């Protein structure tokens, strides 16, 4: 929506102000403010309006992202992956667990969050939980196995966080396809 607010006059060649800031006689320049120091009504936009515009822009970008299912899947899966990496770090650093066991446990916990968000947000599934949850659980068991094998192989060449991120990136497209076609059947 366009604002009806008037912007300050833009000077053209010949519209000059004197050294003391006063407008030249016959000039169409408007003063920068009142004598009291307060700006006139057409001065710089208020900060609140800029923030509102920026927030509406961010909201529009998020709406566009959430309009595309694969991007919703990536966003929700990214949140679950972030949870998984944080849990993995906690389990290894604080609980001194084996890296493969910690990765498997972290994935098991993040899957609970992931299922509910994928069901509601990503796929907006009308499937009953009694049908979708067992399919998701079976797919998750396959994911757990693939995660453990790939993560264990990458630990030889990468630090554990990098190995987990690469593992998640490799599993993502397969999981998306299987969730879309098997779990939530779209």
N, C-alpha and C. Protein backbone atom coordinates (compact mmCIF):
# COMPACT_ATOMS: atom_id res chain seq x y z
N UNK A 1 0.84 -1.16 0.00
CA UNK A 1 0.00 0.00 0.00
C UNK A 1 0.89 1.23 0.00
N UNK A 2 0.57 2.21 -0.83
CA UNK A 2 1.38 3.41 -0.90
C UNK A 2 0.93 4.42 0.14
N UNK A 3 1.90 5.10 0.67
CA UNK A 3 1.62 6.11 1.69
C UNK A 3 1.21 7.41 1.01
N UNK A 4 0.34 8.13 1.65
CA UNK A 4 -0.07 9.42 1.10
C UNK A 4 0.75 10.56 1.69
N UNK A 5 1.74 10.21 2.48
CA UNK A 5 2.56 11.20 3.13
C UNK A 5 3.38 11.94 2.08
N UNK A 6 3.56 13.21 2.26
CA UNK A 6 4.33 14.01 1.32
C UNK A 6 5.78 14.04 1.73
N UNK A 7 6.64 13.91 0.77
CA UNK A 7 8.06 13.93 1.06
C UNK A 7 8.60 15.34 0.89
N UNK A 8 9.71 15.64 1.52
CA UNK A 8 10.28 16.99 1.42
C UNK A 8 10.58 17.36 -0.03
N UNK A 9 10.57 18.63 -0.29
CA UNK A 9 10.83 19.17 -1.61
C UNK A 9 12.27 18.89 -2.00
N UNK A 10 12.49 18.42 -3.23
CA UNK A 10 13.83 18.19 -3.73
C UNK A 10 14.23 19.41 -4.53
N UNK A 11 15.38 19.96 -4.15
CA UNK A 11 15.84 21.21 -4.77
C UNK A 11 16.26 20.97 -6.21
N UNK A 12 15.98 21.96 -7.05
CA UNK A 12 16.43 21.93 -8.44
C UNK A 12 17.55 22.95 -8.57
N UNK A 13 18.25 22.90 -9.66
CA UNK A 13 19.33 23.85 -9.91
C UNK A 13 18.78 25.26 -9.81
N UNK A 14 19.40 26.09 -9.04
CA UNK A 14 18.94 27.46 -8.87
C UNK A 14 18.25 27.67 -7.53
N UNK A 15 17.78 26.63 -6.90
CA UNK A 15 17.19 26.74 -5.57
C UNK A 15 18.32 26.60 -4.56
N UNK A 16 18.82 27.69 -4.11
CA UNK A 16 19.96 27.65 -3.19
C UNK A 16 19.59 28.33 -1.89
N UNK A 17 20.26 27.92 -0.85
CA UNK A 17 20.08 28.54 0.45
C UNK A 17 21.30 29.39 0.74
N UNK A 18 21.12 30.39 1.55
CA UNK A 18 22.24 31.25 1.92
C UNK A 18 23.11 30.52 2.95
N UNK A 19 24.22 31.12 3.30
CA UNK A 19 25.17 30.51 4.22
C UNK A 19 24.55 30.26 5.60
N UNK A 20 23.57 31.09 6.01
CA UNK A 20 22.96 30.89 7.33
C UNK A 20 21.84 29.86 7.30
N UNK A 21 21.59 29.24 6.14
CA UNK A 21 20.59 28.19 6.05
C UNK A 21 19.23 28.69 5.64
N UNK A 22 19.03 29.99 5.54
CA UNK A 22 17.73 30.53 5.14
C UNK A 22 17.55 30.34 3.64
N UNK A 23 16.35 30.12 3.23
CA UNK A 23 16.06 29.92 1.82
C UNK A 23 16.25 31.23 1.07
N UNK A 24 16.76 31.14 -0.14
CA UNK A 24 16.97 32.31 -0.97
C UNK A 24 15.61 32.90 -1.34
N UNK A 25 15.54 34.22 -1.54
CA UNK A 25 14.26 34.82 -1.92
C UNK A 25 13.74 34.21 -3.22
N UNK A 26 12.47 33.84 -3.21
CA UNK A 26 11.84 33.24 -4.38
C UNK A 26 12.10 31.74 -4.50
N UNK A 27 12.85 31.17 -3.57
CA UNK A 27 13.16 29.76 -3.61
C UNK A 27 11.96 28.94 -3.14
N UNK A 28 11.89 27.73 -3.62
CA UNK A 28 10.80 26.85 -3.21
C UNK A 28 11.26 25.84 -2.15
N UNK A 29 12.45 26.04 -1.57
CA UNK A 29 12.93 25.13 -0.54
C UNK A 29 12.08 25.25 0.71
N UNK A 30 11.85 24.13 1.37
CA UNK A 30 11.12 24.15 2.62
C UNK A 30 12.13 24.09 3.76
N UNK A 31 11.81 24.66 4.88
CA UNK A 31 12.74 24.62 6.01
C UNK A 31 12.89 23.19 6.52
N UNK A 32 14.02 22.88 7.15
CA UNK A 32 14.27 21.55 7.67
C UNK A 32 13.46 21.26 8.91
N UNK A 33 12.98 22.24 9.58
CA UNK A 33 12.22 21.99 10.78
C UNK A 33 11.67 23.29 11.33
N UNK A 34 10.85 23.19 12.36
CA UNK A 34 10.33 24.37 13.02
C UNK A 34 11.42 25.04 13.82
N UNK A 35 11.19 26.26 14.22
CA UNK A 35 12.16 26.97 15.04
C UNK A 35 12.37 26.26 16.38
N UNK A 36 11.38 25.51 16.83
CA UNK A 36 11.51 24.81 18.11
C UNK A 36 12.39 23.57 17.98
N UNK A 37 12.82 23.23 16.78
CA UNK A 37 13.67 22.07 16.58
C UNK A 37 12.90 20.82 16.21
N UNK A 38 11.57 20.86 16.25
CA UNK A 38 10.77 19.70 15.89
C UNK A 38 10.67 19.62 14.37
N UNK A 39 10.74 18.46 13.81
CA UNK A 39 10.64 18.33 12.36
C UNK A 39 9.21 18.58 11.89
N UNK A 40 9.08 19.04 10.66
CA UNK A 40 7.75 19.25 10.12
C UNK A 40 7.12 17.91 9.78
N UNK A 41 5.87 17.91 9.45
CA UNK A 41 5.09 16.69 9.27
C UNK A 41 5.64 15.78 8.17
N UNK A 42 6.27 16.32 7.16
CA UNK A 42 6.76 15.52 6.05
C UNK A 42 8.20 15.07 6.23
N UNK A 43 8.77 15.19 7.42
CA UNK A 43 10.17 14.85 7.66
C UNK A 43 10.39 13.34 7.55
N UNK A 44 11.52 12.89 8.00
CA UNK A 44 11.92 11.48 7.89
C UNK A 44 10.85 10.56 8.45
N UNK A 45 10.70 9.39 7.85
CA UNK A 45 9.70 8.44 8.34
C UNK A 45 10.03 7.96 9.75
N UNK A 46 9.01 7.61 10.46
CA UNK A 46 9.20 7.15 11.83
C UNK A 46 9.77 5.74 11.83
N UNK A 47 10.53 5.46 12.87
CA UNK A 47 11.18 4.17 13.01
C UNK A 47 10.17 3.04 13.06
N UNK A 48 9.05 3.27 13.74
CA UNK A 48 8.04 2.24 13.88
C UNK A 48 7.51 1.79 12.53
N UNK A 49 7.35 2.69 11.59
CA UNK A 49 6.86 2.32 10.26
C UNK A 49 7.89 1.47 9.53
N UNK A 50 9.18 1.81 9.68
CA UNK A 50 10.22 1.01 9.02
C UNK A 50 10.25 -0.40 9.58
N UNK A 51 10.14 -0.53 10.88
CA UNK A 51 10.16 -1.85 11.50
C UNK A 51 8.95 -2.65 11.03
N UNK A 52 7.80 -2.00 10.97
CA UNK A 52 6.59 -2.68 10.51
C UNK A 52 6.76 -3.17 9.08
N UNK A 53 7.35 -2.36 8.23
CA UNK A 53 7.59 -2.76 6.84
C UNK A 53 8.55 -3.94 6.78
N UNK A 54 9.61 -3.86 7.58
CA UNK A 54 10.59 -4.94 7.58
C UNK A 54 9.97 -6.24 8.08
N UNK A 55 9.16 -6.14 9.12
CA UNK A 55 8.52 -7.33 9.65
C UNK A 55 7.54 -7.92 8.64
N UNK A 56 6.82 -7.04 7.93
CA UNK A 56 5.89 -7.55 6.93
C UNK A 56 6.66 -8.19 5.77
N UNK A 57 7.84 -7.66 5.45
CA UNK A 57 8.68 -8.26 4.41
C UNK A 57 9.15 -9.65 4.86
N UNK A 58 9.63 -9.75 6.10
CA UNK A 58 10.07 -11.04 6.63
C UNK A 58 8.90 -12.02 6.66
N UNK A 59 7.73 -11.54 7.07
CA UNK A 59 6.54 -12.39 7.07
C UNK A 59 6.20 -12.87 5.67
N UNK A 60 6.35 -12.00 4.69
CA UNK A 60 6.09 -12.37 3.30
C UNK A 60 7.07 -13.42 2.80
N UNK A 61 8.34 -13.27 3.18
CA UNK A 61 9.35 -14.25 2.79
C UNK A 61 9.04 -15.60 3.44
N UNK A 62 8.69 -15.58 4.73
CA UNK A 62 8.34 -16.84 5.40
C UNK A 62 7.10 -17.46 4.78
N UNK A 63 6.13 -16.64 4.39
CA UNK A 63 4.93 -17.17 3.73
C UNK A 63 5.30 -17.83 2.40
N UNK A 64 6.20 -17.21 1.66
CA UNK A 64 6.63 -17.80 0.39
C UNK A 64 7.37 -19.11 0.62
N UNK A 65 8.20 -19.15 1.65
CA UNK A 65 8.93 -20.38 1.96
C UNK A 65 7.95 -21.47 2.35
N UNK A 66 6.97 -21.12 3.19
CA UNK A 66 6.04 -22.13 3.66
C UNK A 66 5.01 -22.51 2.61
N UNK A 67 4.99 -21.82 1.48
CA UNK A 67 4.09 -22.19 0.39
C UNK A 67 4.64 -23.38 -0.38
N UNK A 68 5.94 -23.61 -0.30
CA UNK A 68 6.58 -24.69 -1.01
C UNK A 68 6.88 -25.81 -0.02
N UNK A 69 6.34 -26.98 -0.26
CA UNK A 69 6.42 -28.10 0.70
C UNK A 69 7.85 -28.51 1.00
N UNK A 70 8.71 -28.58 -0.01
CA UNK A 70 10.07 -29.03 0.24
C UNK A 70 10.82 -28.03 1.12
N UNK A 71 10.49 -26.75 0.99
CA UNK A 71 11.12 -25.75 1.85
C UNK A 71 10.59 -25.85 3.28
N UNK A 72 9.30 -26.17 3.41
CA UNK A 72 8.75 -26.40 4.75
C UNK A 72 9.43 -27.60 5.38
N UNK A 73 9.61 -28.65 4.58
CA UNK A 73 10.26 -29.85 5.08
C UNK A 73 11.69 -29.53 5.52
N UNK A 74 12.40 -28.74 4.73
CA UNK A 74 13.77 -28.35 5.07
C UNK A 74 13.80 -27.50 6.34
N UNK A 75 12.85 -26.59 6.49
CA UNK A 75 12.80 -25.73 7.68
C UNK A 75 12.52 -26.56 8.93
N UNK A 76 11.49 -27.38 8.87
CA UNK A 76 11.13 -28.21 10.02
C UNK A 76 12.23 -29.24 10.30
N UNK A 77 12.72 -29.86 9.24
CA UNK A 77 13.81 -30.82 9.40
C UNK A 77 15.08 -30.15 9.92
N UNK A 78 15.30 -28.91 9.50
CA UNK A 78 16.46 -28.15 10.00
C UNK A 78 16.36 -27.89 11.49
N UNK A 79 15.14 -27.58 11.95
CA UNK A 79 14.93 -27.39 13.39
C UNK A 79 15.19 -28.68 14.15
N UNK A 80 14.70 -29.80 13.62
CA UNK A 80 14.94 -31.09 14.25
C UNK A 80 16.42 -31.46 14.18
N UNK A 81 17.08 -31.14 13.08
CA UNK A 81 18.52 -31.42 12.95
C UNK A 81 19.33 -30.58 13.92
N UNK A 82 18.93 -29.32 14.10
CA UNK A 82 19.62 -28.47 15.08
C UNK A 82 19.47 -29.05 16.48
N UNK A 83 18.28 -29.50 16.81
CA UNK A 83 18.05 -30.16 18.09
C UNK A 83 18.95 -31.40 18.21
N UNK A 84 19.02 -32.18 17.14
CA UNK A 84 19.84 -33.39 17.15
C UNK A 84 21.32 -33.06 17.37
N UNK A 85 21.83 -32.05 16.69
CA UNK A 85 23.25 -31.70 16.84
C UNK A 85 23.53 -31.16 18.24
N UNK A 86 22.61 -30.38 18.78
CA UNK A 86 22.78 -29.87 20.16
C UNK A 86 22.77 -31.02 21.16
N UNK A 87 21.84 -31.96 21.00
CA UNK A 87 21.80 -33.12 21.89
C UNK A 87 23.05 -33.98 21.74
N UNK A 88 23.49 -34.16 20.50
CA UNK A 88 24.71 -34.93 20.25
C UNK A 88 25.89 -34.31 20.99
N UNK A 89 26.03 -33.01 20.89
CA UNK A 89 27.12 -32.31 21.57
C UNK A 89 27.01 -32.48 23.09
N UNK A 90 25.80 -32.33 23.62
CA UNK A 90 25.61 -32.51 25.07
C UNK A 90 25.96 -33.92 25.51
N UNK A 91 25.50 -34.91 24.76
CA UNK A 91 25.75 -36.30 25.13
C UNK A 91 27.24 -36.64 25.09
N UNK A 92 27.95 -36.10 24.10
CA UNK A 92 29.38 -36.41 23.98
C UNK A 92 30.20 -35.62 25.00
N UNK A 93 29.91 -34.32 25.09
CA UNK A 93 30.74 -33.46 25.94
C UNK A 93 30.42 -33.59 27.42
N UNK A 94 29.14 -33.67 27.76
CA UNK A 94 28.77 -33.71 29.18
C UNK A 94 28.60 -35.13 29.72
N UNK A 95 28.03 -36.01 28.92
CA UNK A 95 27.78 -37.37 29.40
C UNK A 95 28.90 -38.34 29.00
N UNK A 96 29.85 -37.86 28.20
CA UNK A 96 31.00 -38.66 27.78
C UNK A 96 30.56 -39.98 27.13
N UNK A 97 29.54 -39.90 26.25
CA UNK A 97 29.03 -41.09 25.56
C UNK A 97 29.86 -41.39 24.33
N UNK A 98 29.76 -42.60 23.85
CA UNK A 98 30.33 -42.99 22.57
C UNK A 98 29.62 -42.17 21.49
N UNK A 99 30.36 -41.70 20.48
CA UNK A 99 29.80 -40.80 19.47
C UNK A 99 28.65 -41.44 18.68
N UNK A 100 28.77 -42.70 18.31
CA UNK A 100 27.72 -43.36 17.53
C UNK A 100 26.47 -43.56 18.38
N UNK A 101 26.64 -43.95 19.64
CA UNK A 101 25.50 -44.12 20.55
C UNK A 101 24.83 -42.76 20.79
N UNK A 102 25.64 -41.72 21.00
CA UNK A 102 25.11 -40.38 21.23
C UNK A 102 24.33 -39.88 20.02
N UNK A 103 24.85 -40.13 18.82
CA UNK A 103 24.17 -39.72 17.60
C UNK A 103 22.84 -40.43 17.44
N UNK A 104 22.82 -41.73 17.72
CA UNK A 104 21.59 -42.51 17.60
C UNK A 104 20.55 -42.05 18.62
N UNK A 105 20.98 -41.80 19.86
CA UNK A 105 20.07 -41.32 20.90
C UNK A 105 19.53 -39.93 20.56
N UNK A 106 20.41 -39.05 20.08
CA UNK A 106 19.99 -37.69 19.72
C UNK A 106 18.97 -37.74 18.57
N UNK A 107 19.20 -38.59 17.58
CA UNK A 107 18.26 -38.72 16.47
C UNK A 107 16.93 -39.27 16.96
N UNK A 108 16.97 -40.22 17.87
CA UNK A 108 15.73 -40.80 18.41
C UNK A 108 14.87 -39.75 19.10
N UNK A 109 15.49 -38.84 19.82
CA UNK A 109 14.75 -37.79 20.52
C UNK A 109 14.22 -36.75 19.52
N UNK A 110 15.07 -36.35 18.57
CA UNK A 110 14.65 -35.32 17.62
C UNK A 110 13.54 -35.81 16.69
N UNK A 111 13.45 -37.12 16.51
CA UNK A 111 12.41 -37.69 15.65
C UNK A 111 11.01 -37.42 16.21
N UNK A 112 10.87 -37.43 17.52
CA UNK A 112 9.56 -37.16 18.13
C UNK A 112 9.07 -35.76 17.78
N UNK A 113 9.98 -34.80 17.85
CA UNK A 113 9.63 -33.42 17.48
C UNK A 113 9.37 -33.35 15.98
N UNK A 114 10.23 -34.00 15.22
CA UNK A 114 10.13 -33.96 13.77
C UNK A 114 8.81 -34.53 13.27
N UNK A 115 8.36 -35.65 13.82
CA UNK A 115 7.11 -36.26 13.35
C UNK A 115 5.92 -35.32 13.50
N UNK A 116 5.77 -34.77 14.69
CA UNK A 116 4.59 -33.92 14.92
C UNK A 116 4.62 -32.68 14.03
N UNK A 117 5.79 -32.09 13.84
CA UNK A 117 5.87 -30.90 12.98
C UNK A 117 5.71 -31.25 11.50
N UNK A 118 6.29 -32.37 11.08
CA UNK A 118 6.13 -32.77 9.68
C UNK A 118 4.67 -33.09 9.38
N UNK A 119 3.99 -33.75 10.31
CA UNK A 119 2.58 -34.11 10.11
C UNK A 119 1.71 -32.87 9.97
N UNK A 120 1.93 -31.90 10.87
CA UNK A 120 1.06 -30.70 10.89
C UNK A 120 1.51 -29.61 9.94
N UNK A 121 2.80 -29.26 9.97
CA UNK A 121 3.29 -28.09 9.25
C UNK A 121 3.66 -28.41 7.81
N UNK A 122 4.49 -29.41 7.62
CA UNK A 122 5.03 -29.68 6.29
C UNK A 122 3.99 -30.26 5.35
N UNK A 123 3.44 -31.40 5.73
CA UNK A 123 2.55 -32.12 4.83
C UNK A 123 1.08 -31.80 5.05
N UNK A 124 0.78 -31.15 6.18
CA UNK A 124 -0.60 -30.82 6.52
C UNK A 124 -1.48 -32.03 6.26
N UNK A 125 -0.99 -33.14 6.78
CA UNK A 125 -1.58 -34.44 6.49
C UNK A 125 -2.93 -34.64 7.16
N UNK A 126 -3.80 -35.30 6.44
CA UNK A 126 -5.09 -35.69 7.00
C UNK A 126 -5.06 -37.15 7.44
N UNK A 127 -3.88 -37.77 7.29
CA UNK A 127 -3.71 -39.17 7.72
C UNK A 127 -3.86 -39.24 9.23
N UNK A 128 -4.50 -40.30 9.69
CA UNK A 128 -4.62 -40.50 11.12
C UNK A 128 -3.26 -40.89 11.67
N UNK A 129 -3.02 -40.52 12.92
CA UNK A 129 -1.75 -40.84 13.56
C UNK A 129 -1.56 -42.36 13.67
N UNK A 130 -2.66 -43.09 13.79
CA UNK A 130 -2.55 -44.55 13.89
C UNK A 130 -2.04 -45.17 12.59
N UNK A 131 -2.18 -44.45 11.49
CA UNK A 131 -1.67 -44.93 10.20
C UNK A 131 -0.29 -44.33 9.92
N UNK A 132 -0.15 -43.02 10.09
CA UNK A 132 1.08 -42.33 9.73
C UNK A 132 2.22 -42.62 10.70
N UNK A 133 1.93 -42.70 12.00
CA UNK A 133 2.99 -42.88 13.00
C UNK A 133 3.76 -44.20 12.82
N UNK A 134 3.09 -45.33 12.60
CA UNK A 134 3.87 -46.56 12.38
C UNK A 134 4.73 -46.50 11.12
N UNK A 135 4.22 -45.89 10.07
CA UNK A 135 5.02 -45.72 8.85
C UNK A 135 6.24 -44.85 9.13
N UNK A 136 6.00 -43.76 9.87
CA UNK A 136 7.09 -42.85 10.21
C UNK A 136 8.11 -43.57 11.08
N UNK A 137 7.64 -44.39 12.02
CA UNK A 137 8.54 -45.14 12.90
C UNK A 137 9.40 -46.12 12.10
N UNK A 138 8.80 -46.82 11.15
CA UNK A 138 9.55 -47.74 10.31
C UNK A 138 10.60 -47.00 9.49
N UNK A 139 10.20 -45.89 8.91
CA UNK A 139 11.13 -45.06 8.15
C UNK A 139 12.25 -44.55 9.06
N UNK A 140 11.91 -44.20 10.29
CA UNK A 140 12.89 -43.70 11.24
C UNK A 140 13.90 -44.78 11.62
N UNK A 141 13.45 -46.02 11.76
CA UNK A 141 14.38 -47.11 12.05
C UNK A 141 15.39 -47.28 10.91
N UNK A 142 14.92 -47.15 9.68
CA UNK A 142 15.84 -47.20 8.53
C UNK A 142 16.79 -46.00 8.57
N UNK A 143 16.26 -44.84 8.92
CA UNK A 143 17.08 -43.64 9.03
C UNK A 143 18.12 -43.79 10.13
N UNK A 144 17.72 -44.36 11.27
CA UNK A 144 18.66 -44.59 12.37
C UNK A 144 19.82 -45.48 11.92
N UNK A 145 19.50 -46.54 11.20
CA UNK A 145 20.54 -47.44 10.71
C UNK A 145 21.47 -46.73 9.72
N UNK A 146 20.88 -46.01 8.77
CA UNK A 146 21.69 -45.28 7.79
C UNK A 146 22.53 -44.21 8.48
N UNK A 147 21.94 -43.52 9.46
CA UNK A 147 22.65 -42.50 10.21
C UNK A 147 23.86 -43.11 10.93
N UNK A 148 23.66 -44.25 11.60
CA UNK A 148 24.75 -44.87 12.36
C UNK A 148 25.89 -45.32 11.43
N UNK A 149 25.54 -45.94 10.31
CA UNK A 149 26.57 -46.45 9.39
C UNK A 149 27.34 -45.29 8.76
N UNK A 150 26.62 -44.32 8.22
CA UNK A 150 27.28 -43.20 7.55
C UNK A 150 28.07 -42.34 8.53
N UNK A 151 27.48 -42.07 9.70
CA UNK A 151 28.15 -41.26 10.72
C UNK A 151 29.42 -41.95 11.19
N UNK A 152 29.38 -43.24 11.43
CA UNK A 152 30.55 -43.99 11.88
C UNK A 152 31.65 -43.95 10.81
N UNK A 153 31.28 -44.07 9.56
CA UNK A 153 32.26 -43.99 8.48
C UNK A 153 32.90 -42.62 8.36
N UNK A 154 32.11 -41.57 8.57
CA UNK A 154 32.64 -40.21 8.45
C UNK A 154 33.47 -39.78 9.65
N UNK A 155 33.29 -40.44 10.79
CA UNK A 155 34.06 -40.08 11.99
C UNK A 155 35.56 -40.28 11.78
N UNK A 156 35.93 -41.16 10.87
CA UNK A 156 37.35 -41.40 10.61
C UNK A 156 38.03 -40.20 9.96
N UNK A 157 37.25 -39.37 9.25
CA UNK A 157 37.86 -38.26 8.51
C UNK A 157 37.37 -36.88 8.94
N UNK A 158 36.29 -36.81 9.71
CA UNK A 158 35.72 -35.52 10.09
C UNK A 158 35.48 -35.46 11.60
N UNK A 159 35.46 -34.24 12.16
CA UNK A 159 35.03 -34.10 13.56
C UNK A 159 33.56 -34.50 13.67
N UNK A 160 33.11 -34.86 14.87
CA UNK A 160 31.77 -35.44 15.01
C UNK A 160 30.64 -34.51 14.58
N UNK A 161 30.75 -33.21 14.81
CA UNK A 161 29.67 -32.30 14.39
C UNK A 161 29.61 -32.21 12.87
N UNK A 162 30.76 -32.09 12.23
CA UNK A 162 30.78 -32.04 10.77
C UNK A 162 30.28 -33.36 10.18
N UNK A 163 30.66 -34.47 10.80
CA UNK A 163 30.20 -35.78 10.32
C UNK A 163 28.69 -35.88 10.43
N UNK A 164 28.12 -35.34 11.52
CA UNK A 164 26.66 -35.40 11.68
C UNK A 164 25.96 -34.52 10.67
N UNK A 165 26.50 -33.36 10.39
CA UNK A 165 25.88 -32.44 9.42
C UNK A 165 25.92 -33.06 8.02
N UNK A 166 27.04 -33.66 7.64
CA UNK A 166 27.13 -34.31 6.33
C UNK A 166 26.15 -35.49 6.25
N UNK A 167 26.06 -36.25 7.34
CA UNK A 167 25.13 -37.37 7.38
C UNK A 167 23.69 -36.91 7.20
N UNK A 168 23.32 -35.85 7.91
CA UNK A 168 21.96 -35.31 7.79
C UNK A 168 21.68 -34.82 6.38
N UNK A 169 22.67 -34.18 5.76
CA UNK A 169 22.51 -33.70 4.39
C UNK A 169 22.33 -34.83 3.39
N UNK A 170 23.00 -35.96 3.65
CA UNK A 170 22.88 -37.10 2.74
C UNK A 170 21.54 -37.81 2.90
N UNK A 171 21.03 -37.83 4.11
CA UNK A 171 19.78 -38.55 4.39
C UNK A 171 18.54 -37.71 4.02
N UNK A 172 18.68 -36.38 4.02
CA UNK A 172 17.54 -35.47 3.81
C UNK A 172 16.72 -35.79 2.56
N UNK A 173 17.31 -35.85 1.35
CA UNK A 173 16.46 -36.04 0.16
C UNK A 173 15.72 -37.38 0.16
N UNK A 174 16.38 -38.40 0.66
CA UNK A 174 15.74 -39.72 0.71
C UNK A 174 14.57 -39.70 1.68
N UNK A 175 14.79 -39.09 2.85
CA UNK A 175 13.72 -38.99 3.85
C UNK A 175 12.53 -38.19 3.31
N UNK A 176 12.82 -37.08 2.63
CA UNK A 176 11.73 -36.27 2.09
C UNK A 176 10.88 -37.09 1.13
N UNK A 177 11.54 -37.77 0.21
CA UNK A 177 10.81 -38.56 -0.78
C UNK A 177 9.97 -39.64 -0.11
N UNK A 178 10.56 -40.36 0.83
CA UNK A 178 9.84 -41.45 1.49
C UNK A 178 8.70 -40.93 2.37
N UNK A 179 8.93 -39.82 3.06
CA UNK A 179 7.84 -39.25 3.87
C UNK A 179 6.69 -38.77 2.99
N UNK A 180 7.02 -38.18 1.86
CA UNK A 180 5.98 -37.66 0.97
C UNK A 180 5.19 -38.78 0.31
N UNK A 181 5.87 -39.84 -0.06
CA UNK A 181 5.19 -40.90 -0.80
C UNK A 181 4.67 -42.05 0.06
N UNK A 182 5.31 -42.32 1.19
CA UNK A 182 4.90 -43.45 2.02
C UNK A 182 4.22 -43.02 3.30
N UNK A 183 4.88 -42.20 4.08
CA UNK A 183 4.35 -41.86 5.42
C UNK A 183 3.07 -41.06 5.35
N UNK A 184 3.11 -39.95 4.63
CA UNK A 184 1.96 -39.03 4.61
C UNK A 184 1.18 -39.10 3.31
N UNK A 185 1.61 -39.86 2.35
CA UNK A 185 0.94 -40.14 1.07
C UNK A 185 0.23 -38.94 0.45
N UNK A 186 1.00 -38.14 -0.21
CA UNK A 186 0.40 -36.98 -0.88
C UNK A 186 0.27 -37.23 -2.36
